[in-house]
Amino acid sequence: MADNKRKIERVQTGVRIEKKLLKVLKALAAHHEISMGDLLEGIVLHAFEGKSPFGPDTLAFIETMRQAYGLDISAADSHKLVED
């Protein structure tokens, strides 16, 4: 059996992110039993290729978490967000 793993180098980074969005991402990572870093890498790599990173079941889970944590911003808001 061929080993299809890819060696990479990871770096620690400090990223500021909207509080409720972070809660949903943490819940999603926990739901899939993966790290936040792995989740974000997967989302970004899919986005770079114009692919959706989530299937219907995961999207339903995300919607449940959005409601649970009161996340009411969307992609349409992405360039309009400001901090107090």
C-alpha atoms as a PDB file:
ATOM      1  CA  MET A   1       0.000   0.000   0.000  1.00  0.00           C
ATOM      2  CA  ALA A   2       1.461   3.347  -1.051  1.00  0.00           C
ATOM      3  CA  ASP A   3       1.789   6.083   1.570  1.00  0.00           C
ATOM      4  CA  ASN A   4      -0.095   9.133   0.259  1.00  0.00           C
ATOM      5  CA  LYS A   5       0.751  11.471   3.135  1.00  0.00           C
ATOM      6  CA  ARG A   6       2.406  14.796   2.298  1.00  0.00           C
ATOM      7  CA  LYS A   7       5.088  16.332   4.494  1.00  0.00           C
ATOM      8  CA  ILE A   8       4.529  20.004   5.255  1.00  0.00           C
ATOM      9  CA  GLU A   9       5.859  22.650   7.615  1.00  0.00           C
ATOM     10  CA  ARG A  10       3.354  24.351   9.914  1.00  0.00           C
ATOM     11  CA  VAL A  11       3.836  27.669  11.696  1.00  0.00           C
ATOM     12  CA  GLN A  12       2.099  29.178  14.708  1.00  0.00           C
ATOM     13  CA  THR A  13       0.042  32.260  13.865  1.00  0.00           C
ATOM     14  CA  GLY A  14      -2.118  34.722  15.715  1.00  0.00           C
ATOM     15  CA  VAL A  15      -5.345  35.420  13.857  1.00  0.00           C
ATOM     16  CA  ARG A  16      -8.170  37.677  15.014  1.00  0.00           C
ATOM     17  CA  ILE A  17     -11.613  36.325  14.149  1.00  0.00           C
ATOM     18  CA  GLU A  18     -15.217  37.173  14.993  1.00  0.00           C
ATOM     19  CA  LYS A  19     -16.142  35.576  18.334  1.00  0.00           C
ATOM     20  CA  LYS A  20     -19.318  33.717  17.304  1.00  0.00           C
ATOM     21  CA  LEU A  21     -17.717  32.501  14.084  1.00  0.00           C
ATOM     22  CA  LEU A  22     -14.881  31.031  16.137  1.00  0.00           C
ATOM     23  CA  LYS A  23     -17.369  29.203  18.363  1.00  0.00           C
ATOM     24  CA  VAL A  24     -19.012  27.621  15.309  1.00  0.00           C
ATOM     25  CA  LEU A  25     -15.612  26.634  13.877  1.00  0.00           C
ATOM     26  CA  LYS A  26     -14.542  25.070  17.179  1.00  0.00           C
ATOM     27  CA  ALA A  27     -17.800  23.099  17.344  1.00  0.00           C
ATOM     28  CA  LEU A  28     -17.284  21.945  13.755  1.00  0.00           C
ATOM     29  CA  ALA A  29     -13.704  20.824  14.439  1.00  0.00           C
ATOM     30  CA  ALA A  30     -14.853  18.946  17.547  1.00  0.00           C
ATOM     31  CA  HIS A  31     -17.717  17.376  15.599  1.00  0.00           C
ATOM     32  CA  HIS A  32     -15.222  15.994  13.058  1.00  0.00           C
ATOM     33  CA  GLU A  33     -12.634  15.213  15.753  1.00  0.00           C
ATOM     34  CA  ILE A  34      -9.932  17.294  14.052  1.00  0.00           C
ATOM     35  CA  SER A  35      -7.868  20.283  15.111  1.00  0.00           C
ATOM     36  CA  MET A  36      -8.819  23.850  14.267  1.00  0.00           C
ATOM     37  CA  GLY A  37      -5.704  24.057  12.101  1.00  0.00           C
ATOM     38  CA  ASP A  38      -6.712  20.974  10.106  1.00  0.00           C
ATOM     39  CA  LEU A  39     -10.235  22.337   9.696  1.00  0.00           C
ATOM     40  CA  LEU A  40      -9.032  25.729   8.463  1.00  0.00           C
ATOM     41  CA  GLU A  41      -6.478  24.169   6.107  1.00  0.00           C
ATOM     42  CA  GLY A  42      -9.194  22.002   4.590  1.00  0.00           C
ATOM     43  CA  ILE A  43     -11.623  24.904   4.177  1.00  0.00           C
ATOM     44  CA  VAL A  44      -9.002  27.123   2.543  1.00  0.00           C
ATOM     45  CA  LEU A  45      -7.641  24.427   0.225  1.00  0.00           C
ATOM     46  CA  HIS A  46     -11.177  23.655  -0.984  1.00  0.00           C
ATOM     47  CA  ALA A  47     -11.929  27.376  -1.440  1.00  0.00           C
ATOM     48  CA  PHE A  48      -8.720  27.881  -3.466  1.00  0.00           C
ATOM     49  CA  GLU A  49     -10.007  25.251  -5.910  1.00  0.00           C
ATOM     50  CA  GLY A  50     -13.548  26.656  -5.999  1.00  0.00           C
ATOM     51  CA  LYS A  51     -14.945  23.595  -4.230  1.00  0.00           C
ATOM     52  CA  SER A  52     -17.306  23.387  -1.280  1.00  0.00           C
ATOM     53  CA  PRO A  53     -15.576  21.830   1.733  1.00  0.00           C
ATOM     54  CA  PHE A  54     -18.854  20.602   3.254  1.00  0.00           C
ATOM     55  CA  GLY A  55     -21.536  18.097   2.339  1.00  0.00           C
ATOM     56  CA  PRO A  56     -25.231  18.343   3.234  1.00  0.00           C
ATOM     57  CA  ASP A  57     -24.887  16.723   6.677  1.00  0.00           C
ATOM     58  CA  THR A  58     -22.080  19.062   7.722  1.00  0.00           C
ATOM     59  CA  LEU A  59     -23.935  22.102   6.369  1.00  0.00           C
ATOM     60  CA  ALA A  60     -26.953  21.114   8.484  1.00  0.00           C
ATOM     61  CA  PHE A  61     -24.686  20.815  11.548  1.00  0.00           C
ATOM     62  CA  ILE A  62     -23.173  24.229  10.787  1.00  0.00           C
ATOM     63  CA  GLU A  63     -26.637  25.782  10.555  1.00  0.00           C
ATOM     64  CA  THR A  64     -27.557  24.282  13.916  1.00  0.00           C
ATOM     65  CA  MET A  65     -24.374  25.718  15.459  1.00  0.00           C
ATOM     66  CA  ARG A  66     -24.961  29.117  13.811  1.00  0.00           C
ATOM     67  CA  GLN A  67     -28.356  29.273  15.484  1.00  0.00           C
ATOM     68  CA  ALA A  68     -27.052  27.948  18.816  1.00  0.00           C
ATOM     69  CA  TYR A  69     -24.280  30.579  18.966  1.00  0.00           C
ATOM     70  CA  GLY A  70     -26.282  33.424  17.397  1.00  0.00           C
ATOM     71  CA  LEU A  71     -24.003  33.763  14.368  1.00  0.00           C
ATOM     72  CA  ASP A  72     -26.012  36.092  12.146  1.00  0.00           C
ATOM     73  CA  ILE A  73     -23.333  37.358   9.761  1.00  0.00           C
ATOM     74  CA  SER A  74     -22.892  35.857   6.307  1.00  0.00           C
ATOM     75  CA  ALA A  75     -20.538  35.933   3.335  1.00  0.00           C
ATOM     76  CA  ALA A  76     -22.378  39.062   2.148  1.00  0.00           C
ATOM     77  CA  ASP A  77     -21.110  40.808   5.307  1.00  0.00           C
ATOM     78  CA  SER A  78     -17.488  39.725   4.898  1.00  0.00           C
ATOM     79  CA  HIS A  79     -16.136  43.078   3.643  1.00  0.00           C
ATOM     80  CA  LYS A  80     -18.371  45.199   5.893  1.00  0.00           C
ATOM     81  CA  LEU A  81     -17.297  43.974   9.354  1.00  0.00           C
ATOM     82  CA  VAL A  82     -15.956  46.565  11.791  1.00  0.00           C
ATOM     83  CA  GLU A  83     -15.002  46.368  15.458  1.00  0.00           C
ATOM     84  CA  ASP A  84     -16.161  48.652  18.251  1.00  0.00           C
END
